[in-house]
Amino acid sequence: MICERCGKEVYLLEQCDYCNRKVCVQCEKSAKKTSRIRRIVICKDCWTDMKKRKVFKAE
């Protein structure tokens, strides 16, 4: 599978909850579990947008 942010071919991709792109571990800025089954991920591009970062930190 290919990362939609950097273009690398990787085995594991996760979807950013803010831009809905599939990103690799190197392009993932932060991730946290909000409950036992829900995990939210934010990519490095969305991290620079202060509105998206504020929503991520509030969850």
Protein backbone atom coordinates (compact mmCIF):
# COMPACT_ATOMS: atom_id res chain seq x y z
CA MET A 1 0.00 0.00 0.00
CA ILE A 2 1.16 3.54 -0.71
CA CYS A 3 1.07 6.44 1.74
CA GLU A 4 -1.06 9.29 0.40
CA ARG A 5 1.13 11.93 2.05
CA CYS A 6 4.74 10.93 1.27
CA GLY A 7 4.27 8.28 -1.43
CA LYS A 8 6.25 5.53 0.31
CA GLU A 9 5.22 1.93 -0.07
CA VAL A 10 4.47 0.61 3.43
CA TYR A 11 2.77 -2.34 5.04
CA LEU A 12 0.60 -0.51 7.58
CA LEU A 13 -1.50 2.58 6.91
CA GLU A 14 -3.84 4.45 9.23
CA GLN A 15 -6.46 6.97 8.25
CA CYS A 16 -6.15 10.55 9.50
CA ASP A 17 -9.43 11.54 11.13
CA TYR A 18 -9.18 15.14 9.94
CA CYS A 19 -8.21 14.94 6.23
CA ASN A 20 -9.22 11.28 5.64
CA ARG A 21 -5.92 10.41 3.93
CA LYS A 22 -4.21 7.10 4.58
CA VAL A 23 -0.81 7.85 6.13
CA CYS A 24 2.17 5.75 7.22
CA VAL A 25 3.70 5.76 10.69
CA GLN A 26 6.35 8.35 9.71
CA CYS A 27 3.66 10.81 8.50
CA GLU A 28 1.53 10.29 11.59
CA LYS A 29 2.12 13.10 14.09
CA SER A 30 0.07 11.81 17.01
CA ALA A 31 -2.51 9.18 17.91
CA LYS A 32 -4.53 8.42 21.00
CA LYS A 33 -7.22 6.09 22.18
CA THR A 34 -10.38 7.89 23.25
CA SER A 35 -12.05 4.65 24.33
CA ARG A 36 -11.25 0.96 24.27
CA ILE A 37 -12.12 0.62 20.58
CA ARG A 38 -11.78 4.14 19.12
CA ARG A 39 -8.35 5.42 18.10
CA ILE A 40 -7.90 8.84 16.56
CA VAL A 41 -4.92 9.78 14.38
CA ILE A 42 -3.70 13.16 13.17
CA CYS A 43 -1.13 13.55 10.39
CA LYS A 44 1.68 16.10 10.25
CA ASP A 45 -0.16 18.31 7.74
CA CYS A 46 -3.29 18.55 9.91
CA TRP A 47 -1.14 19.19 12.99
CA THR A 48 -0.01 22.53 11.51
CA ASP A 49 -3.65 23.69 11.21
CA MET A 50 -4.43 25.14 14.63
CA LYS A 51 -8.20 24.54 14.38
CA LYS A 52 -7.72 20.82 13.69
CA ARG A 53 -5.06 20.52 16.38
CA LYS A 54 -7.35 22.13 18.95
CA VAL A 55 -10.13 19.64 18.11
CA PHE A 56 -7.66 16.75 18.41
CA LYS A 57 -6.40 17.86 21.82
CA ALA A 58 -9.95 18.44 23.10
CA GLU A 59 -10.97 14.83 22.44
